[in-house]
Amino acid sequence: SPRLAEGMLHAAYSWPLSDTWQMQASLLYYAVPRRGRARPYRRA
């Protein structure tokens, strides 16, 4: 199918906690376009 099935944009920031641990915080925009009679779906 030539239609886009899924799309996503994201931004993230990561930082170390120790020599073995790190953390990451991220924001994401996610979208599934309309498929047939199904509604398009978007989320943050």
All heavy atoms as atom14 arrays in JSON, in Angstrom:
{
  "sequence": "SPRLAEGMLHAAYSWPLSDTWQMQASLLYYAVPRRGRARPYRRA",
  "atom14_mask": [
    [1, 1, 1, 1, 1, 1, 0, 0, 0, 0, 0, 0, 0, 0],
    [1, 1, 1, 1, 1, 1, 1, 0, 0, 0, 0, 0, 0, 0],
    [1, 1, 1, 1, 1, 1, 1, 1, 1, 1, 1, 0, 0, 0],
    [1, 1, 1, 1, 1, 1, 1, 1, 0, 0, 0, 0, 0, 0],
    [1, 1, 1, 1, 1, 0, 0, 0, 0, 0, 0, 0, 0, 0],
    [1, 1, 1, 1, 1, 1, 1, 1, 1, 0, 0, 0, 0, 0],
    [1, 1, 1, 1, 0, 0, 0, 0, 0, 0, 0, 0, 0, 0],
    [1, 1, 1, 1, 1, 1, 1, 1, 0, 0, 0, 0, 0, 0],
    [1, 1, 1, 1, 1, 1, 1, 1, 0, 0, 0, 0, 0, 0],
    [1, 1, 1, 1, 1, 1, 1, 1, 1, 1, 0, 0, 0, 0],
    [1, 1, 1, 1, 1, 0, 0, 0, 0, 0, 0, 0, 0, 0],
    [1, 1, 1, 1, 1, 0, 0, 0, 0, 0, 0, 0, 0, 0],
    [1, 1, 1, 1, 1, 1, 1, 1, 1, 1, 1, 1, 0, 0],
    [1, 1, 1, 1, 1, 1, 0, 0, 0, 0, 0, 0, 0, 0],
    [1, 1, 1, 1, 1, 1, 1, 1, 1, 1, 1, 1, 1, 1],
    [1, 1, 1, 1, 1, 1, 1, 0, 0, 0, 0, 0, 0, 0],
    [1, 1, 1, 1, 1, 1, 1, 1, 0, 0, 0, 0, 0, 0],
    [1, 1, 1, 1, 1, 1, 0, 0, 0, 0, 0, 0, 0, 0],
    [1, 1, 1, 1, 1, 1, 1, 1, 0, 0, 0, 0, 0, 0],
    [1, 1, 1, 1, 1, 1, 1, 0, 0, 0, 0, 0, 0, 0],
    [1, 1, 1, 1, 1, 1, 1, 1, 1, 1, 1, 1, 1, 1],
    [1, 1, 1, 1, 1, 1, 1, 1, 1, 0, 0, 0, 0, 0],
    [1, 1, 1, 1, 1, 1, 1, 1, 0, 0, 0, 0, 0, 0],
    [1, 1, 1, 1, 1, 1, 1, 1, 1, 0, 0, 0, 0, 0],
    [1, 1, 1, 1, 1, 0, 0, 0, 0, 0, 0, 0, 0, 0],
    [1, 1, 1, 1, 1, 1, 0, 0, 0, 0, 0, 0, 0, 0],
    [1, 1, 1, 1, 1, 1, 1, 1, 0, 0, 0, 0, 0, 0],
    [1, 1, 1, 1, 1, 1, 1, 1, 0, 0, 0, 0, 0, 0],
    [1, 1, 1, 1, 1, 1, 1, 1, 1, 1, 1, 1, 0, 0],
    [1, 1, 1, 1, 1, 1, 1, 1, 1, 1, 1, 1, 0, 0],
    [1, 1, 1, 1, 1, 0, 0, 0, 0, 0, 0, 0, 0, 0],
    [1, 1, 1, 1, 1, 1, 1, 0, 0, 0, 0, 0, 0, 0],
    [1, 1, 1, 1, 1, 1, 1, 0, 0, 0, 0, 0, 0, 0],
    [1, 1, 1, 1, 1, 1, 1, 1, 1, 1, 1, 0, 0, 0],
    [1, 1, 1, 1, 1, 1, 1, 1, 1, 1, 1, 0, 0, 0],
    [1, 1, 1, 1, 0, 0, 0, 0, 0, 0, 0, 0, 0, 0],
    [1, 1, 1, 1, 1, 1, 1, 1, 1, 1, 1, 0, 0, 0],
    [1, 1, 1, 1, 1, 0, 0, 0, 0, 0, 0, 0, 0, 0],
    [1, 1, 1, 1, 1, 1, 1, 1, 1, 1, 1, 0, 0, 0],
    [1, 1, 1, 1, 1, 1, 1, 0, 0, 0, 0, 0, 0, 0],
    [1, 1, 1, 1, 1, 1, 1, 1, 1, 1, 1, 1, 0, 0],
    [1, 1, 1, 1, 1, 1, 1, 1, 1, 1, 1, 0, 0, 0],
    [1, 1, 1, 1, 1, 1, 1, 1, 1, 1, 1, 0, 0, 0],
    [1, 1, 1, 1, 1, 0, 0, 0, 0, 0, 0, 0, 0, 0]
  ],
  "atom14_positions": [
    [[0.84, -1.19, 0.0], [0.0, 0.0, 0.0], [0.87, 1.24, 0.0], [1.86, 1.3, 0.74], [-0.92, 0.01, 1.23], [-1.58, 1.27, 1.35], [0.0, 0.0, 0.0], [0.0, 0.0, 0.0], [0.0, 0.0, 0.0], [0.0, 0.0, 0.0], [0.0, 0.0, 0.0], [0.0, 0.0, 0.0], [0.0, 0.0, 0.0], [0.0, 0.0, 0.0]],
    [[0.56, 2.24, -0.81], [1.36, 3.46, -0.85], [1.07, 4.43, 0.29], [1.74, 5.44, 0.43], [0.98, 4.08, -2.19], [-0.44, 3.64, -2.4], [-0.52, 2.25, -1.82], [0.0, 0.0, 0.0], [0.0, 0.0, 0.0], [0.0, 0.0, 0.0], [0.0, 0.0, 0.0], [0.0, 0.0, 0.0], [0.0, 0.0, 0.0], [0.0, 0.0, 0.0]],
    [[0.07, 4.16, 1.1], [-0.3, 5.09, 2.16], [0.67, 5.04, 3.34], [1.21, 3.98, 3.67], [-1.72, 4.79, 2.67], [-2.8, 5.03, 1.64], [-4.17, 4.72, 2.23], [-5.23, 4.95, 1.26], [-5.81, 6.12, 1.05], [-5.41, 7.17, 1.76], [-6.75, 6.27, 0.15], [0.0, 0.0, 0.0], [0.0, 0.0, 0.0], [0.0, 0.0, 0.0]],
    [[0.84, 6.18, 3.97], [1.65, 6.24, 5.18], [0.92, 5.52, 6.31], [-0.24, 5.8, 6.58], [1.89, 7.71, 5.57], [2.92, 7.97, 6.66], [4.32, 7.62, 6.17], [2.88, 9.44, 7.08], [0.0, 0.0, 0.0], [0.0, 0.0, 0.0], [0.0, 0.0, 0.0], [0.0, 0.0, 0.0], [0.0, 0.0, 0.0], [0.0, 0.0, 0.0]],
    [[1.58, 4.56, 6.95], [0.95, 3.77, 8.01], [1.22, 4.34, 9.39], [0.43, 4.14, 10.31], [1.44, 2.32, 7.95], [0.0, 0.0, 0.0], [0.0, 0.0, 0.0], [0.0, 0.0, 0.0], [0.0, 0.0, 0.0], [0.0, 0.0, 0.0], [0.0, 0.0, 0.0], [0.0, 0.0, 0.0], [0.0, 0.0, 0.0], [0.0, 0.0, 0.0]],
    [[2.32, 5.08, 9.54], [2.7, 5.6, 10.85], [3.71, 6.72, 10.67], [4.55, 6.67, 9.78], [3.3, 4.47, 11.7], [3.81, 4.91, 13.06], [4.59, 3.81, 13.75], [5.65, 3.42, 13.22], [4.14, 3.34, 14.81], [0.0, 0.0, 0.0], [0.0, 0.0, 0.0], [0.0, 0.0, 0.0], [0.0, 0.0, 0.0], [0.0, 0.0, 0.0]],
    [[3.62, 7.74, 11.51], [4.6, 8.81, 11.5], [4.9, 9.27, 12.92], [4.04, 9.15, 13.81], [0.0, 0.0, 0.0], [0.0, 0.0, 0.0], [0.0, 0.0, 0.0], [0.0, 0.0, 0.0], [0.0, 0.0, 0.0], [0.0, 0.0, 0.0], [0.0, 0.0, 0.0], [0.0, 0.0, 0.0], [0.0, 0.0, 0.0], [0.0, 0.0, 0.0]],
    [[6.11, 9.79, 13.14], [6.49, 10.17, 14.49], [7.56, 11.25, 14.48], [8.44, 11.26, 13.62], [7.02, 8.93, 15.24], [7.31, 9.16, 16.71], [7.74, 7.62, 17.55], [9.26, 7.23, 16.7], [0.0, 0.0, 0.0], [0.0, 0.0, 0.0], [0.0, 0.0, 0.0], [0.0, 0.0, 0.0], [0.0, 0.0, 0.0], [0.0, 0.0, 0.0]],
    [[7.47, 12.18, 15.44], [8.48, 13.19, 15.7], [8.86, 13.1, 17.17], [7.99, 12.87, 18.03], [7.95, 14.6, 15.4], [7.48, 14.88, 13.97], [6.81, 16.25, 13.9], [8.64, 14.81, 12.99], [0.0, 0.0, 0.0], [0.0, 0.0, 0.0], [0.0, 0.0, 0.0], [0.0, 0.0, 0.0], [0.0, 0.0, 0.0], [0.0, 0.0, 0.0]],
    [[10.14, 13.26, 17.5], [10.52, 13.15, 18.91], [11.69, 14.07, 19.23], [12.5, 14.43, 18.38], [10.89, 11.71, 19.26], [12.29, 11.32, 18.86], [13.37, 11.45, 19.69], [12.78, 10.83, 17.7], [14.46, 11.04, 19.07], [14.14, 10.66, 17.86], [0.0, 0.0, 0.0], [0.0, 0.0, 0.0], [0.0, 0.0, 0.0], [0.0, 0.0, 0.0]],
    [[11.75, 14.46, 20.5], [12.86, 15.23, 21.05], [13.21, 14.62, 22.39], [12.31, 14.25, 23.17], [12.47, 16.7, 21.22], [0.0, 0.0, 0.0], [0.0, 0.0, 0.0], [0.0, 0.0, 0.0], [0.0, 0.0, 0.0], [0.0, 0.0, 0.0], [0.0, 0.0, 0.0], [0.0, 0.0, 0.0], [0.0, 0.0, 0.0], [0.0, 0.0, 0.0]],
    [[14.5, 14.48, 22.68], [14.91, 13.81, 23.92], [16.17, 14.45, 24.48], [16.95, 15.1, 23.75], [15.14, 12.32, 23.67], [0.0, 0.0, 0.0], [0.0, 0.0, 0.0], [0.0, 0.0, 0.0], [0.0, 0.0, 0.0], [0.0, 0.0, 0.0], [0.0, 0.0, 0.0], [0.0, 0.0, 0.0], [0.0, 0.0, 0.0], [0.0, 0.0, 0.0]],
    [[16.35, 14.26, 25.79], [17.56, 14.71, 26.46], [18.0, 13.61, 27.42], [17.19, 13.1, 28.2], [17.32, 16.01, 27.24], [18.53, 16.48, 28.01], [19.64, 17.01, 27.34], [18.57, 16.37, 29.39], [20.76, 17.43, 28.04], [19.69, 16.79, 30.1], [20.78, 17.32, 29.42], [21.89, 17.73, 30.12], [0.0, 0.0, 0.0], [0.0, 0.0, 0.0]],
    [[19.26, 13.23, 27.36], [19.78, 12.16, 28.23], [20.97, 12.68, 29.03], [21.71, 13.57, 28.57], [20.19, 10.94, 27.4], [21.17, 11.28, 26.44], [0.0, 0.0, 0.0], [0.0, 0.0, 0.0], [0.0, 0.0, 0.0], [0.0, 0.0, 0.0], [0.0, 0.0, 0.0], [0.0, 0.0, 0.0], [0.0, 0.0, 0.0], [0.0, 0.0, 0.0]],
    [[21.15, 12.14, 30.22], [22.25, 12.56, 31.07], [22.67, 11.39, 31.96], [21.86, 10.52, 32.3], [21.84, 13.76, 31.92], [20.75, 13.49, 32.92], [20.91, 13.2, 34.25], [19.33, 13.49, 32.68], [19.69, 13.02, 34.85], [18.7, 13.2, 33.92], [18.54, 13.71, 31.55], [17.31, 13.1, 34.04], [17.16, 13.62, 31.67], [16.56, 13.32, 32.9]],
    [[23.94, 11.32, 32.35], [24.43, 10.21, 33.18], [24.07, 10.4, 34.64], [24.07, 11.52, 35.15], [25.94, 10.25, 32.96], [26.23, 11.7, 32.66], [25.03, 12.2, 31.9], [0.0, 0.0, 0.0], [0.0, 0.0, 0.0], [0.0, 0.0, 0.0], [0.0, 0.0, 0.0], [0.0, 0.0, 0.0], [0.0, 0.0, 0.0], [0.0, 0.0, 0.0]],
    [[23.79, 9.29, 35.29], [23.59, 9.29, 36.74], [24.83, 8.77, 37.46], [25.11, 9.16, 38.58], [22.38, 8.42, 37.09], [21.02, 8.9, 36.59], [19.95, 7.89, 36.97], [20.69, 10.28, 37.15], [0.0, 0.0, 0.0], [0.0, 0.0, 0.0], [0.0, 0.0, 0.0], [0.0, 0.0, 0.0], [0.0, 0.0, 0.0], [0.0, 0.0, 0.0]],
    [[25.53, 7.83, 36.8], [26.75, 7.24, 37.35], [27.52, 6.63, 36.18], [27.18, 6.86, 35.02], [26.41, 6.18, 38.4], [25.75, 5.07, 37.79], [0.0, 0.0, 0.0], [0.0, 0.0, 0.0], [0.0, 0.0, 0.0], [0.0, 0.0, 0.0], [0.0, 0.0, 0.0], [0.0, 0.0, 0.0], [0.0, 0.0, 0.0], [0.0, 0.0, 0.0]],
    [[28.51, 5.83, 36.48], [29.27, 5.17, 35.43], [28.45, 4.11, 34.71], [28.77, 3.73, 33.58], [30.53, 4.5, 36.02], [31.53, 5.53, 36.53], [31.46, 6.69, 36.07], [32.36, 5.17, 37.38], [0.0, 0.0, 0.0], [0.0, 0.0, 0.0], [0.0, 0.0, 0.0], [0.0, 0.0, 0.0], [0.0, 0.0, 0.0], [0.0, 0.0, 0.0]],
    [[27.39, 3.63, 35.35], [26.61, 2.54, 34.76], [25.16, 2.91, 34.45], [24.51, 2.23, 33.66], [26.6, 1.32, 35.7], [26.12, 1.73, 36.99], [28.0, 0.74, 35.84], [0.0, 0.0, 0.0], [0.0, 0.0, 0.0], [0.0, 0.0, 0.0], [0.0, 0.0, 0.0], [0.0, 0.0, 0.0], [0.0, 0.0, 0.0], [0.0, 0.0, 0.0]],
    [[24.64, 3.97, 35.05], [23.25, 4.36, 34.86], [23.16, 5.71, 34.14], [23.98, 6.6, 34.36], [22.52, 4.48, 36.2], [22.17, 3.16, 36.83], [22.92, 2.45, 37.7], [20.97, 2.43, 36.63], [22.28, 1.3, 38.07], [21.05, 1.26, 37.42], [19.81, 2.63, 35.88], [20.05, 0.31, 37.48], [18.8, 1.68, 35.93], [18.93, 0.54, 36.71]],
    [[22.13, 5.83, 33.3], [21.8, 7.11, 32.7], [20.28, 7.25, 32.62], [19.56, 6.26, 32.76], [22.42, 7.26, 31.31], [21.87, 6.29, 30.28], [22.4, 6.61, 28.88], [22.41, 7.77, 28.48], [22.81, 5.59, 28.16], [0.0, 0.0, 0.0], [0.0, 0.0, 0.0], [0.0, 0.0, 0.0], [0.0, 0.0, 0.0], [0.0, 0.0, 0.0]],
    [[19.82, 8.47, 32.42], [18.39, 8.73, 32.28], [18.14, 9.44, 30.97], [19.02, 10.12, 30.43], [17.86, 9.58, 33.44], [17.84, 8.88, 34.77], [16.9, 9.82, 36.01], [15.23, 9.66, 35.39], [0.0, 0.0, 0.0], [0.0, 0.0, 0.0], [0.0, 0.0, 0.0], [0.0, 0.0, 0.0], [0.0, 0.0, 0.0], [0.0, 0.0, 0.0]],
    [[16.92, 9.27, 30.48], [16.5, 9.98, 29.28], [15.06, 10.45, 29.44], [14.19, 9.67, 29.8], [16.62, 9.1, 28.04], [16.11, 9.81, 26.78], [16.42, 9.05, 25.51], [17.58, 8.98, 25.1], [15.42, 8.5, 24.88], [0.0, 0.0, 0.0], [0.0, 0.0, 0.0], [0.0, 0.0, 0.0], [0.0, 0.0, 0.0], [0.0, 0.0, 0.0]],
    [[14.82, 11.73, 29.15], [13.48, 12.3, 29.13], [13.17, 12.66, 27.68], [14.01, 13.22, 26.97], [13.4, 13.54, 30.02], [0.0, 0.0, 0.0], [0.0, 0.0, 0.0], [0.0, 0.0, 0.0], [0.0, 0.0, 0.0], [0.0, 0.0, 0.0], [0.0, 0.0, 0.0], [0.0, 0.0, 0.0], [0.0, 0.0, 0.0], [0.0, 0.0, 0.0]],
    [[11.96, 12.35, 27.22], [11.63, 12.6, 25.82], [10.18, 13.0, 25.65], [9.31, 12.65, 26.46], [11.93, 11.35, 24.98], [11.17, 10.24, 25.42], [0.0, 0.0, 0.0], [0.0, 0.0, 0.0], [0.0, 0.0, 0.0], [0.0, 0.0, 0.0], [0.0, 0.0, 0.0], [0.0, 0.0, 0.0], [0.0, 0.0, 0.0], [0.0, 0.0, 0.0]],
    [[9.93, 13.76, 24.61], [8.59, 14.13, 24.16], [8.4, 13.6, 22.75], [9.33, 13.63, 21.94], [8.41, 15.65, 24.18], [8.45, 16.33, 25.54], [8.38, 17.85, 25.38], [7.31, 15.84, 26.43], [0.0, 0.0, 0.0], [0.0, 0.0, 0.0], [0.0, 0.0, 0.0], [0.0, 0.0, 0.0], [0.0, 0.0, 0.0], [0.0, 0.0, 0.0]],
    [[7.19, 13.13, 22.45], [6.96, 12.45, 21.19], [5.59, 12.8, 20.64], [4.61, 12.91, 21.39], [7.09, 10.94, 21.42], [6.88, 9.97, 20.27], [7.82, 8.78, 20.41], [5.44, 9.47, 20.24], [0.0, 0.0, 0.0], [0.0, 0.0, 0.0], [0.0, 0.0, 0.0], [0.0, 0.0, 0.0], [0.0, 0.0, 0.0], [0.0, 0.0, 0.0]],
    [[5.53, 13.01, 19.33], [4.26, 13.18, 18.62], [4.12, 11.98, 17.7], [4.99, 11.69, 16.88], [4.24, 14.46, 17.81], [3.03, 14.57, 16.9], [1.81, 15.04, 17.39], [3.11, 14.2, 15.56], [0.7, 15.11, 16.56], [2.0, 14.28, 14.73], [0.8, 14.73, 15.24], [-0.3, 14.8, 14.41], [0.0, 0.0, 0.0], [0.0, 0.0, 0.0]],
    [[3.0, 11.27, 17.84], [2.8, 10.01, 17.12], [1.46, 10.06, 16.39], [0.46, 10.52, 16.94], [2.8, 8.86, 18.14], [2.54, 7.49, 17.56], [3.54, 6.8, 16.88], [1.3, 6.88, 17.71], [3.3, 5.56, 16.35], [1.06, 5.64, 17.19], [2.05, 4.97, 16.51], [1.82, 3.73, 15.99], [0.0, 0.0, 0.0], [0.0, 0.0, 0.0]],
    [[1.45, 9.6, 15.15], [0.22, 9.67, 14.35], [0.07, 8.45, 13.46], [1.03, 7.95, 12.87], [0.23, 10.93, 13.49], [0.0, 0.0, 0.0], [0.0, 0.0, 0.0], [0.0, 0.0, 0.0], [0.0, 0.0, 0.0], [0.0, 0.0, 0.0], [0.0, 0.0, 0.0], [0.0, 0.0, 0.0], [0.0, 0.0, 0.0], [0.0, 0.0, 0.0]],
    [[-1.16, 7.94, 13.41], [-1.55, 6.88, 12.48], [-2.65, 7.46, 11.6], [-3.75, 7.75, 12.09], [-2.07, 5.63, 13.23], [-2.58, 4.58, 12.23], [-0.96, 5.04, 14.1], [0.0, 0.0, 0.0], [0.0, 0.0, 0.0], [0.0, 0.0, 0.0], [0.0, 0.0, 0.0], [0.0, 0.0, 0.0], [0.0, 0.0, 0.0], [0.0, 0.0, 0.0]],
    [[-2.4, 7.67, 10.31], [-3.42, 8.26, 9.43], [-4.63, 7.35, 9.29], [-4.64, 6.2, 9.71], [-2.68, 8.43, 8.09], [-1.23, 8.41, 8.46], [-1.12, 7.5, 9.63], [0.0, 0.0, 0.0], [0.0, 0.0, 0.0], [0.0, 0.0, 0.0], [0.0, 0.0, 0.0], [0.0, 0.0, 0.0], [0.0, 0.0, 0.0], [0.0, 0.0, 0.0]],
    [[-5.67, 7.89, 8.65], [-6.91, 7.16, 8.44], [-6.67, 5.91, 7.6], [-5.95, 5.93, 6.61], [-7.94, 8.06, 7.75], [-9.28, 7.39, 7.48], [-10.19, 8.35, 6.75], [-10.48, 9.53, 7.54], [-11.46, 9.6, 8.43], [-12.25, 8.56, 8.64], [-11.67, 10.72, 9.1], [0.0, 0.0, 0.0], [0.0, 0.0, 0.0], [0.0, 0.0, 0.0]],
    [[-7.27, 4.78, 8.02], [-7.22, 3.53, 7.27], [-8.65, 3.08, 7.0], [-9.36, 2.66, 7.91], [-6.5, 2.44, 8.06], [-4.98, 2.57, 8.07], [-4.35, 1.49, 8.92], [-4.78, 0.16, 8.49], [-4.17, -0.54, 7.53], [-3.14, -0.01, 6.89], [-4.6, -1.74, 7.21], [0.0, 0.0, 0.0], [0.0, 0.0, 0.0], [0.0, 0.0, 0.0]],
    [[-9.07, 3.17, 5.74], [-10.44, 2.77, 5.4], [-11.44, 3.61, 6.17], [-11.42, 4.83, 6.14], [0.0, 0.0, 0.0], [0.0, 0.0, 0.0], [0.0, 0.0, 0.0], [0.0, 0.0, 0.0], [0.0, 0.0, 0.0], [0.0, 0.0, 0.0], [0.0, 0.0, 0.0], [0.0, 0.0, 0.0], [0.0, 0.0, 0.0], [0.0, 0.0, 0.0]],
    [[-12.32, 2.93, 6.93], [-13.31, 3.64, 7.73], [-12.79, 4.0, 9.11], [-13.48, 4.66, 9.89], [-14.57, 2.77, 7.85], [-15.3, 2.56, 6.54], [-16.52, 1.69, 6.74], [-16.15, 0.35, 7.2], [-17.03, -0.59, 7.54], [-18.32, -0.32, 7.5], [-16.62, -1.77, 7.93], [0.0, 0.0, 0.0], [0.0, 0.0, 0.0], [0.0, 0.0, 0.0]],
    [[-11.58, 3.54, 9.44], [-11.02, 3.82, 10.76], [-10.63, 5.29, 10.89], [-10.23, 5.93, 9.94], [-9.8, 2.93, 11.0], [0.0, 0.0, 0.0], [0.0, 0.0, 0.0], [0.0, 0.0, 0.0], [0.0, 0.0, 0.0], [0.0, 0.0, 0.0], [0.0, 0.0, 0.0], [0.0, 0.0, 0.0], [0.0, 0.0, 0.0], [0.0, 0.0, 0.0]],
    [[-10.77, 5.82, 12.08], [-10.41, 7.21, 12.35], [-8.89, 7.35, 12.38], [-8.18, 6.44, 12.75], [-10.97, 7.64, 13.7], [-12.47, 7.57, 13.81], [-12.88, 7.94, 15.24], [-14.31, 7.84, 15.45], [-14.89, 8.02, 16.63], [-14.15, 8.31, 17.68], [-16.2, 7.91, 16.75], [0.0, 0.0, 0.0], [0.0, 0.0, 0.0], [0.0, 0.0, 0.0]],
    [[-8.39, 8.53, 12.03], [-6.96, 8.78, 12.27], [-6.71, 8.84, 13.77], [-7.6, 9.19, 14.55], [-6.72, 10.13, 11.59], [-8.07, 10.79, 11.57], [-9.06, 9.66, 11.4], [0.0, 0.0, 0.0], [0.0, 0.0, 0.0], [0.0, 0.0, 0.0], [0.0, 0.0, 0.0], [0.0, 0.0, 0.0], [0.0, 0.0, 0.0], [0.0, 0.0, 0.0]],
    [[-5.52, 8.49, 14.17], [-5.19, 8.47, 15.6], [-3.91, 9.27, 15.81], [-2.92, 9.08, 15.13], [-4.99, 7.03, 16.08], [-4.48, 6.94, 17.5], [-5.29, 7.31, 18.57], [-3.18, 6.5, 17.77], [-4.82, 7.24, 19.88], [-2.71, 6.42, 19.07], [-3.54, 6.8, 20.11], [-3.07, 6.73, 21.41], [0.0, 0.0, 0.0], [0.0, 0.0, 0.0]],
    [[-3.93, 10.21, 16.78], [-2.77, 11.02, 17.11], [-2.61, 11.07, 18.62], [-3.6, 11.04, 19.36], [-2.92, 12.44, 16.56], [-2.99, 12.53, 15.04], [-3.22, 13.97, 14.63], [-4.51, 14.48, 15.11], [-4.7, 15.72, 15.56], [-3.71, 16.56, 15.64], [-5.9, 16.11, 15.95], [0.0, 0.0, 0.0], [0.0, 0.0, 0.0], [0.0, 0.0, 0.0]],
    [[-1.38, 11.18, 19.08], [-1.15, 11.34, 20.51], [0.15, 12.08, 20.76], [1.05, 12.1, 19.93], [-1.11, 9.98, 21.22], [0.16, 9.18, 21.02], [0.24, 8.02, 22.01], [1.48, 7.27, 21.87], [1.58, 6.08, 21.31], [0.51, 5.48, 20.82], [2.75, 5.46, 21.22], [0.0, 0.0, 0.0], [0.0, 0.0, 0.0], [0.0, 0.0, 0.0]],
    [[0.22, 12.71, 21.93], [1.45, 13.29, 22.45], [1.89, 12.39, 23.61], [1.06, 11.86, 24.36], [1.22, 14.71, 22.93], [0.0, 0.0, 0.0], [0.0, 0.0, 0.0], [0.0, 0.0, 0.0], [0.0, 0.0, 0.0], [0.0, 0.0, 0.0], [0.0, 0.0, 0.0], [0.0, 0.0, 0.0], [0.0, 0.0, 0.0], [0.0, 0.0, 0.0]]
  ]
}
